[in-house]
Amino acid sequence: MSGEAKRKIRLSGGLGLAALMFSTYIGPGYASGTQTVSFYLTKGWIGVFLAPIVLGILSFVWSFIVFEFNRVYRPKNYREQSDMIYKNPVLKYCLGVFKEIIAFFQVFVVVSAMISGAATLLNSMAGVPMVIGTVIFALALVALTLKGTKLVTKVSGVLTIIILAIVIYIAVIGIGPTWDGMKGFLAEHSQPEDFGFTKVYAWFVILGSIFNFLAGANAAVPACLETIHSRADVIIAATGNAVFCTGATIICTMMFAAGMPEIAGEPLPMIYTLQKLVGAGAWVQYLYFVIALAAMLSTGVSLVYGMVERWTPVVGKAMANGSETAVRFVIAFALVVACVLMSRIGILVLVNKVYPILFNIGTPVIFYLLFITIPYRVYKDKKDGVYPAEQAGSLCEKD
């Protein structure tokens, strides 16, 4: 294979994983705007630029560590990944079970928010009744999840290109009209206390929201098997995800800041911004409407897909006479039905009340602990002579 061909494969593989990660984040992070306002702008002026940049740096480091681990150790799903990291039997069992609980909680909360947000968007922009919008979105989730890794990564790649183009366009038309309002928000130098938070808790919430930037972590485990073949792929994927998520978030925080504090009570801050602050034409709003639905769908598909990959071997044993497609359907359908029921709570309640519980409990153990435990596992395995270097050399392209 020529050097040029290898570079193209490397670029597509790394960017493919970055697209999967970004398209998982983009639903709650950009499409509705509710998380962006709740987690960053209600923490004062630090939420406009400083918070997203800090999270972008942390997410790059985390992604590099975890994607490189996936490249070398080759776990097939998130539970297998956890079991490879922790070798002590008691610790492995306890953290494995905790990981399972958080994974289910993440799917129920985030996918429920996507279903609620999509139904709200369909209702507000197209007049579709909430119940019908919920059913349509739920069925689309199940259908796309059944096709497996290749379709999920392809859909993510296409959606990322489209979404980034729309993000840039919205920035071009939106930053100008909201610039003075954003500068006014920064000039006020508002503090977390102005919104009812202490500084310590504000940063706790901000750092905990790395869960958003890394929302596709579970889906990325099986995806790494097909997209990551070298350390260059790892660097491209980690950089791409950090840049995409940070850039899109800052565009949002800049525009939304002009609408603070009123925008904090809006169920769909992006729609409020385009209609009230930017004064965008109807076609721009409907273009956003289509892309927002696609982004929410991509997030939902990625999260459900990660759970389907994890539980297909387990449920498959109980459905010995069923095809793999039938097994995947049963898992996906059960998860989506549970999320539909939970979506009746409403997107504002899910984001403002339930999401913080997920972040506060899960983020320190599921994400930040890996900054320590994965490097230790690699160090220990190298010291004990069991580091899977031969496997990495045979299965992965050498740099």
Protein backbone atom coordinates (compact mmCIF):
# COMPACT_ATOMS: atom_id res chain seq x y z
CA MET A 1 0.00 0.00 0.00
CA SER A 2 1.37 3.42 -0.92
CA GLY A 3 2.20 6.02 1.70
CA GLU A 4 -0.55 8.30 0.35
CA ALA A 5 -3.15 5.53 0.64
CA LYS A 6 -2.06 4.80 4.21
CA ARG A 7 -2.37 8.47 5.12
CA LYS A 8 -5.91 8.60 3.70
CA ILE A 9 -6.95 5.50 5.67
CA ARG A 10 -5.35 6.92 8.81
CA LEU A 11 -7.11 10.25 8.39
CA SER A 12 -10.51 8.66 7.71
CA GLY A 13 -10.14 6.26 10.64
CA GLY A 14 -9.19 8.92 13.18
CA LEU A 15 -11.74 11.42 11.92
CA GLY A 16 -14.37 8.68 11.80
CA LEU A 17 -14.01 8.10 15.53
CA ALA A 18 -13.89 11.86 16.20
CA ALA A 19 -17.12 12.20 14.20
CA LEU A 20 -18.78 9.47 16.26
CA MET A 21 -17.77 11.21 19.51
CA PHE A 22 -18.78 14.67 18.28
CA SER A 23 -22.10 13.51 16.83
CA THR A 24 -22.92 11.91 20.19
CA TYR A 25 -22.17 15.18 21.98
CA ILE A 26 -23.85 17.44 19.47
CA GLY A 27 -27.44 16.41 20.25
CA PRO A 28 -27.68 17.66 23.83
CA GLY A 29 -24.72 20.02 23.48
CA TYR A 30 -25.67 22.00 20.41
CA ALA A 31 -29.03 21.02 18.94
CA SER A 32 -31.21 22.10 21.84
CA GLY A 33 -28.77 24.35 23.69
CA THR A 34 -30.26 23.48 27.08
CA GLN A 35 -27.09 21.90 28.47
CA THR A 36 -24.88 24.71 27.22
CA VAL A 37 -26.92 27.28 29.12
CA SER A 38 -27.46 25.16 32.22
CA PHE A 39 -23.89 23.98 32.73
CA TYR A 40 -21.86 26.98 31.54
CA LEU A 41 -23.70 30.29 31.29
CA THR A 42 -25.50 29.93 34.62
CA LYS A 43 -22.01 29.81 36.15
CA GLY A 44 -21.24 33.39 35.10
CA TRP A 45 -18.65 34.90 32.76
CA ILE A 46 -16.32 31.89 33.06
CA GLY A 47 -18.86 29.86 31.10
CA VAL A 48 -18.41 31.76 27.84
CA PHE A 49 -14.78 30.92 26.95
CA LEU A 50 -12.82 29.59 29.91
CA ALA A 51 -15.00 26.59 30.78
CA PRO A 52 -15.22 25.16 27.23
CA ILE A 53 -11.46 25.58 26.68
CA VAL A 54 -10.61 23.80 29.94
CA LEU A 55 -12.97 20.97 29.03
CA GLY A 56 -11.50 20.76 25.54
CA ILE A 57 -7.98 20.28 26.91
CA LEU A 58 -9.13 17.67 29.43
CA SER A 59 -11.16 15.79 26.82
CA PHE A 60 -8.15 15.63 24.48
CA VAL A 61 -5.94 14.12 27.18
CA TRP A 62 -8.63 11.67 28.26
CA SER A 63 -9.43 10.63 24.68
CA PHE A 64 -5.76 10.06 23.88
CA ILE A 65 -5.27 7.85 26.96
CA VAL A 66 -8.45 5.82 26.42
CA PHE A 67 -8.29 5.47 22.62
CA GLU A 68 -4.67 4.32 22.87
CA PHE A 69 -5.73 1.75 25.47
CA ASN A 70 -8.49 0.58 23.13
CA ARG A 71 -6.02 0.35 20.25
CA VAL A 72 -3.58 -1.86 22.14
CA TYR A 73 -5.86 -3.96 24.37
CA ARG A 74 -8.73 -4.30 21.84
CA PRO A 75 -11.79 -4.50 24.17
CA LYS A 76 -15.05 -5.29 22.38
CA ASN A 77 -17.39 -3.30 24.65
CA TYR A 78 -17.29 -0.95 27.62
CA ARG A 79 -17.62 -3.71 30.26
CA GLU A 80 -14.74 -5.67 28.75
CA GLN A 81 -12.72 -2.46 28.72
CA SER A 82 -13.42 -1.90 32.42
CA ASP A 83 -12.46 -5.48 33.28
CA MET A 84 -9.14 -5.06 31.44
CA ILE A 85 -8.28 -1.93 33.40
CA TYR A 86 -9.00 -3.26 36.89
CA LYS A 87 -7.37 -6.58 37.82
CA ASN A 88 -8.18 -6.84 41.53
CA PRO A 89 -11.23 -9.17 41.64
CA VAL A 90 -13.21 -7.10 44.14
CA LEU A 91 -12.35 -3.79 42.46
CA LYS A 92 -13.06 -5.24 39.02
CA TYR A 93 -16.49 -6.47 40.10
CA CYS A 94 -17.51 -3.33 41.99
CA LEU A 95 -16.37 -0.86 39.33
CA GLY A 96 -17.73 -3.09 36.57
CA VAL A 97 -21.19 -3.10 38.14
CA PHE A 98 -20.96 0.64 38.78
CA LYS A 99 -20.02 1.17 35.14
CA GLU A 100 -23.07 -0.84 34.05
CA ILE A 101 -25.38 1.21 36.28
CA ILE A 102 -24.00 4.52 35.03
CA ALA A 103 -24.16 3.32 31.42
CA PHE A 104 -27.87 2.49 31.81
CA PHE A 105 -28.48 5.75 33.64
CA GLN A 106 -26.70 7.68 30.87
CA VAL A 107 -28.80 6.06 28.16
CA PHE A 108 -32.07 6.58 30.02
CA VAL A 109 -31.35 10.22 30.88
CA VAL A 110 -29.64 11.42 27.68
CA VAL A 111 -31.74 9.48 25.19
CA SER A 112 -34.88 10.51 27.09
CA ALA A 113 -33.75 14.13 26.75
CA MET A 114 -33.19 13.59 23.01
CA ILE A 115 -36.67 12.09 22.58
CA SER A 116 -38.24 14.90 24.59
CA GLY A 117 -36.21 17.54 22.74
CA ALA A 118 -37.03 16.11 19.31
CA ALA A 119 -40.74 15.88 20.12
CA THR A 120 -40.69 19.47 21.41
CA LEU A 121 -38.85 20.63 18.29
CA LEU A 122 -41.26 18.83 15.95
CA ASN A 123 -44.17 20.36 17.83
CA SER A 124 -42.83 23.93 17.90
CA MET A 125 -41.48 24.03 14.33
CA ALA A 126 -43.80 21.71 12.41
CA GLY A 127 -46.91 21.45 14.59
CA VAL A 128 -46.53 17.69 15.03
CA PRO A 129 -48.34 16.46 18.17
CA MET A 130 -45.94 15.50 20.94
CA VAL A 131 -47.07 11.87 21.04
CA ILE A 132 -46.65 11.36 17.29
CA GLY A 133 -43.27 13.09 17.30
CA THR A 134 -42.13 10.86 20.14
CA VAL A 135 -43.17 7.68 18.32
CA ILE A 136 -41.53 8.71 15.03
CA PHE A 137 -38.23 9.58 16.70
CA ALA A 138 -38.24 6.40 18.82
CA LEU A 139 -38.83 4.17 15.78
CA ALA A 140 -35.99 5.87 13.90
CA LEU A 141 -33.68 5.21 16.86
CA VAL A 142 -34.44 1.49 16.86
CA ALA A 143 -34.16 1.13 13.07
CA LEU A 144 -30.73 2.78 12.79
CA THR A 145 -29.32 0.92 15.79
CA LEU A 146 -29.98 -2.48 14.18
CA LYS A 147 -27.44 -1.95 11.40
CA GLY A 148 -24.33 -2.04 13.59
CA THR A 149 -20.95 -0.28 13.64
CA LYS A 150 -20.47 0.50 9.96
CA LEU A 151 -23.76 2.33 9.54
CA VAL A 152 -23.40 4.15 12.86
CA THR A 153 -19.92 5.44 11.96
CA LYS A 154 -21.00 6.37 8.43
CA VAL A 155 -24.07 8.22 9.69
CA SER A 156 -21.94 9.98 12.29
CA GLY A 157 -19.40 11.05 9.67
CA VAL A 158 -21.99 12.45 7.29
CA LEU A 159 -23.89 14.21 10.06
CA THR A 160 -20.70 15.72 11.47
CA ILE A 161 -19.81 17.28 8.11
CA ILE A 162 -23.31 18.68 7.70
CA ILE A 163 -23.57 19.84 11.30
CA LEU A 164 -20.17 21.56 11.26
CA ALA A 165 -21.15 23.39 8.07
CA ILE A 166 -24.37 24.60 9.74
CA VAL A 167 -22.50 25.49 12.94
CA ILE A 168 -20.13 27.69 10.93
CA TYR A 169 -23.02 29.26 9.03
CA ILE A 170 -24.98 29.97 12.22
CA ALA A 171 -21.83 31.52 13.70
CA VAL A 172 -21.45 33.76 10.64
CA ILE A 173 -25.02 35.06 10.82
CA GLY A 174 -25.37 34.91 14.62
CA ILE A 175 -22.18 36.24 16.21
CA GLY A 176 -22.61 39.76 14.77
CA PRO A 177 -26.15 40.45 16.09
CA THR A 178 -25.33 38.95 19.49
CA TRP A 179 -21.81 40.42 19.85
CA ASP A 180 -22.76 43.46 21.93
CA GLY A 181 -25.00 41.39 24.19
CA MET A 182 -22.19 38.87 24.73
CA LYS A 183 -19.72 41.67 25.54
CA GLY A 184 -22.23 43.12 27.98
CA PHE A 185 -22.55 39.77 29.73
CA LEU A 186 -18.77 39.51 30.03
CA ALA A 187 -18.45 43.15 31.15
CA GLU A 188 -20.85 42.51 34.01
CA HIS A 189 -18.36 39.89 35.20
CA SER A 190 -21.24 37.89 36.62
CA GLN A 191 -20.34 35.28 39.20
CA PRO A 192 -21.80 31.85 39.98
CA GLU A 193 -23.32 33.39 43.11
CA ASP A 194 -25.54 35.56 40.87
CA PHE A 195 -27.27 32.37 39.74
CA GLY A 196 -27.38 30.66 43.12
CA PHE A 197 -24.12 28.65 42.97
CA THR A 198 -20.89 28.79 44.91
CA LYS A 199 -17.65 29.01 42.93
CA VAL A 200 -16.58 25.57 44.10
CA TYR A 201 -19.84 23.98 43.04
CA ALA A 202 -19.82 25.89 39.75
CA TRP A 203 -16.44 24.41 38.81
CA PHE A 204 -17.55 21.01 40.07
CA VAL A 205 -20.47 21.14 37.62
CA ILE A 206 -18.31 22.47 34.78
CA LEU A 207 -15.65 19.81 35.22
CA GLY A 208 -18.33 17.18 35.65
CA SER A 209 -19.80 18.14 32.28
CA ILE A 210 -16.83 16.50 30.57
CA PHE A 211 -19.43 13.73 30.48
CA ASN A 212 -20.93 15.71 27.57
CA PHE A 213 -17.72 16.00 25.54
CA LEU A 214 -17.10 12.26 26.07
CA ALA A 215 -20.70 11.07 25.81
CA GLY A 216 -19.77 8.68 22.99
CA ALA A 217 -17.13 6.84 25.04
CA ASN A 218 -19.10 3.59 25.31
CA ALA A 219 -19.93 3.51 21.60
CA ALA A 220 -16.29 4.33 20.82
CA VAL A 221 -15.05 1.06 22.34
CA PRO A 222 -16.39 -1.25 19.59
CA ALA A 223 -15.89 1.49 16.99
CA CYS A 224 -12.16 1.61 17.80
CA LEU A 225 -11.84 -1.96 16.53
CA GLU A 226 -12.67 -0.74 13.02
CA THR A 227 -11.38 2.84 12.99
CA ILE A 228 -8.21 2.94 15.10
CA HIS A 229 -5.13 1.15 13.71
CA SER A 230 -2.23 3.38 14.71
CA ARG A 231 -1.21 5.99 17.26
CA ALA A 232 -1.68 8.60 14.55
CA ASP A 233 -5.35 7.55 14.38
CA VAL A 234 -5.54 8.02 18.15
CA ILE A 235 -4.08 11.54 17.97
CA ILE A 236 -6.37 12.54 15.10
CA ALA A 237 -9.45 11.18 16.88
CA ALA A 238 -8.61 12.82 20.22
CA THR A 239 -7.75 16.15 18.60
CA GLY A 240 -10.78 16.11 16.33
CA ASN A 241 -13.23 15.45 19.14
CA ALA A 242 -11.71 18.14 21.38
CA VAL A 243 -11.63 20.77 18.63
CA PHE A 244 -15.12 20.00 17.31
CA CYS A 245 -16.77 19.97 20.76
CA THR A 246 -14.92 23.02 22.09
CA GLY A 247 -15.49 25.10 18.96
CA ALA A 248 -19.20 24.29 18.70
CA THR A 249 -19.69 24.97 22.42
CA ILE A 250 -17.98 28.37 22.30
CA ILE A 251 -20.10 29.41 19.33
CA CYS A 252 -23.16 28.55 21.42
CA THR A 253 -21.99 30.24 24.61
CA MET A 254 -21.09 33.43 22.72
CA MET A 255 -24.54 33.74 21.17
CA PHE A 256 -26.53 32.53 24.17
CA ALA A 257 -24.73 34.93 26.51
CA ALA A 258 -26.54 37.79 24.78
CA GLY A 259 -29.85 36.38 25.98
CA MET A 260 -28.92 35.82 29.61
CA PRO A 261 -30.61 35.49 32.04
CA GLU A 262 -33.94 35.16 30.18
CA ILE A 263 -32.67 32.41 27.91
CA ALA A 264 -32.02 30.14 30.93
CA GLY A 265 -35.76 29.48 31.15
CA GLU A 266 -36.16 28.52 27.50
CA PRO A 267 -36.61 24.81 26.61
CA LEU A 268 -34.80 25.30 23.27
CA PRO A 269 -32.27 28.15 23.61
CA MET A 270 -31.05 27.81 20.02
CA ILE A 271 -34.50 28.42 18.60
CA TYR A 272 -34.91 31.38 20.98
CA THR A 273 -31.55 32.78 19.83
CA LEU A 274 -32.31 32.45 16.11
CA GLN A 275 -35.79 33.92 16.46
CA LYS A 276 -35.37 36.61 19.12
CA LEU A 277 -31.69 37.58 19.16
CA VAL A 278 -30.51 37.00 15.60
CA GLY A 279 -33.76 37.54 13.72
CA ALA A 280 -32.90 34.79 11.26
CA GLY A 281 -35.20 34.17 8.33
CA ALA A 282 -37.67 31.31 8.32
CA TRP A 283 -35.55 29.17 6.00
CA VAL A 284 -32.58 29.35 8.40
CA GLN A 285 -34.78 28.25 11.27
CA TYR A 286 -36.12 25.31 9.28
CA LEU A 287 -32.62 24.38 8.15
CA TYR A 288 -31.59 24.34 11.79
CA PHE A 289 -34.73 22.32 12.54
CA VAL A 290 -33.66 19.54 10.17
CA ILE A 291 -30.07 19.49 11.40
CA ALA A 292 -31.12 19.59 15.05
CA LEU A 293 -33.31 16.53 14.58
CA ALA A 294 -30.46 14.75 12.82
CA ALA A 295 -28.06 15.65 15.64
CA MET A 296 -30.44 14.43 18.32
CA LEU A 297 -30.99 11.23 16.35
CA SER A 298 -27.24 10.70 16.02
CA THR A 299 -26.75 11.10 19.77
CA GLY A 300 -29.54 8.68 20.56
CA VAL A 301 -28.34 6.09 18.04
CA SER A 302 -24.76 6.21 19.34
CA LEU A 303 -25.77 5.69 22.98
CA VAL A 304 -28.28 2.93 22.27
CA TYR A 305 -25.77 1.27 19.91
CA GLY A 306 -23.16 1.15 22.69
CA MET A 307 -25.60 -0.66 24.95
CA VAL A 308 -26.73 -3.03 22.19
CA GLU A 309 -23.11 -4.03 21.49
CA ARG A 310 -22.56 -4.69 25.18
CA TRP A 311 -25.65 -6.83 25.76
CA THR A 312 -26.06 -8.68 22.45
CA PRO A 313 -23.77 -11.59 23.54
CA VAL A 314 -25.56 -11.84 26.90
CA VAL A 315 -29.13 -11.68 25.60
CA GLY A 316 -28.14 -13.85 22.64
CA LYS A 317 -27.48 -16.76 25.02
CA ALA A 318 -31.01 -16.47 26.36
CA MET A 319 -32.39 -16.23 22.80
CA ALA A 320 -30.43 -19.15 21.40
CA ASN A 321 -32.86 -19.67 18.51
CA GLY A 322 -33.05 -15.99 17.61
CA SER A 323 -30.99 -14.25 14.94
CA GLU A 324 -28.51 -11.54 15.86
CA THR A 325 -30.81 -8.95 14.31
CA ALA A 326 -33.69 -10.18 16.47
CA VAL A 327 -31.52 -9.99 19.59
CA ARG A 328 -30.39 -6.47 18.73
CA PHE A 329 -34.00 -5.46 18.09
CA VAL A 330 -35.20 -6.75 21.48
CA ILE A 331 -32.44 -4.84 23.32
CA ALA A 332 -32.88 -1.62 21.35
CA PHE A 333 -36.68 -1.73 21.58
CA ALA A 334 -36.65 -2.29 25.35
CA LEU A 335 -34.19 0.56 25.92
CA VAL A 336 -36.06 3.00 23.69
CA VAL A 337 -39.44 2.21 25.26
CA ALA A 338 -37.97 2.90 28.72
CA CYS A 339 -36.53 6.18 27.42
CA VAL A 340 -39.86 7.17 25.87
CA LEU A 341 -41.57 6.73 29.22
CA MET A 342 -38.90 8.79 30.96
CA SER A 343 -39.04 11.51 28.27
CA ARG A 344 -42.48 12.51 29.56
CA ILE A 345 -40.66 14.34 32.38
CA GLY A 346 -39.66 17.04 29.88
CA ILE A 347 -36.32 18.24 28.60
CA LEU A 348 -35.88 21.14 31.04
CA VAL A 349 -36.38 18.91 34.07
CA LEU A 350 -34.09 16.23 32.63
CA VAL A 351 -31.29 18.68 31.92
CA ASN A 352 -31.57 20.91 34.99
CA LYS A 353 -32.46 18.30 37.61
CA VAL A 354 -31.53 14.78 36.46
CA TYR A 355 -28.36 15.41 34.44
CA PRO A 356 -26.44 16.86 37.43
CA ILE A 357 -27.12 13.66 39.38
CA LEU A 358 -25.59 11.65 36.54
CA PHE A 359 -22.54 13.91 36.31
CA ASN A 360 -21.98 14.24 40.05
CA ILE A 361 -22.06 10.49 40.64
CA GLY A 362 -20.62 9.08 37.46
CA THR A 363 -18.00 11.52 36.22
CA PRO A 364 -15.41 11.20 39.04
CA VAL A 365 -15.36 7.39 38.81
CA ILE A 366 -16.14 6.70 35.16
CA PHE A 367 -14.03 9.44 33.58
CA TYR A 368 -11.56 11.18 35.87
CA LEU A 369 -10.38 7.97 37.56
CA LEU A 370 -9.13 6.75 34.17
CA PHE A 371 -6.53 9.54 34.08
CA ILE A 372 -4.79 7.49 36.79
CA THR A 373 -5.88 3.89 36.37
CA ILE A 374 -5.14 3.39 32.67
CA PRO A 375 -1.54 4.72 32.85
CA TYR A 376 -1.05 2.57 35.95
CA ARG A 377 -2.43 -0.52 34.15
CA VAL A 378 -0.07 0.05 31.21
CA TYR A 379 2.89 0.63 33.55
CA LYS A 380 2.06 -2.49 35.61
CA ASP A 381 1.57 -4.71 32.55
CA LYS A 382 4.85 -3.55 31.04
CA LYS A 383 6.63 -4.17 34.32
CA ASP A 384 5.09 -7.65 34.61
CA GLY A 385 5.86 -8.47 30.99
CA VAL A 386 2.20 -8.92 30.00
CA TYR A 387 1.69 -5.71 28.01
CA PRO A 388 0.04 -6.83 24.74
CA ALA A 389 2.77 -5.34 22.56
CA GLU A 390 2.84 -8.32 20.20
CA GLN A 391 -0.88 -8.08 19.65
CA ALA A 392 -0.58 -4.34 19.05
CA GLY A 393 2.24 -4.95 16.57
CA SER A 394 0.36 -7.62 14.64
CA LEU A 395 -3.07 -6.01 14.59
CA CYS A 396 -2.16 -2.34 14.43
CA GLU A 397 -0.12 -0.42 11.93
CA LYS A 398 3.21 0.61 13.42
CA ASP A 399 4.00 4.30 13.49
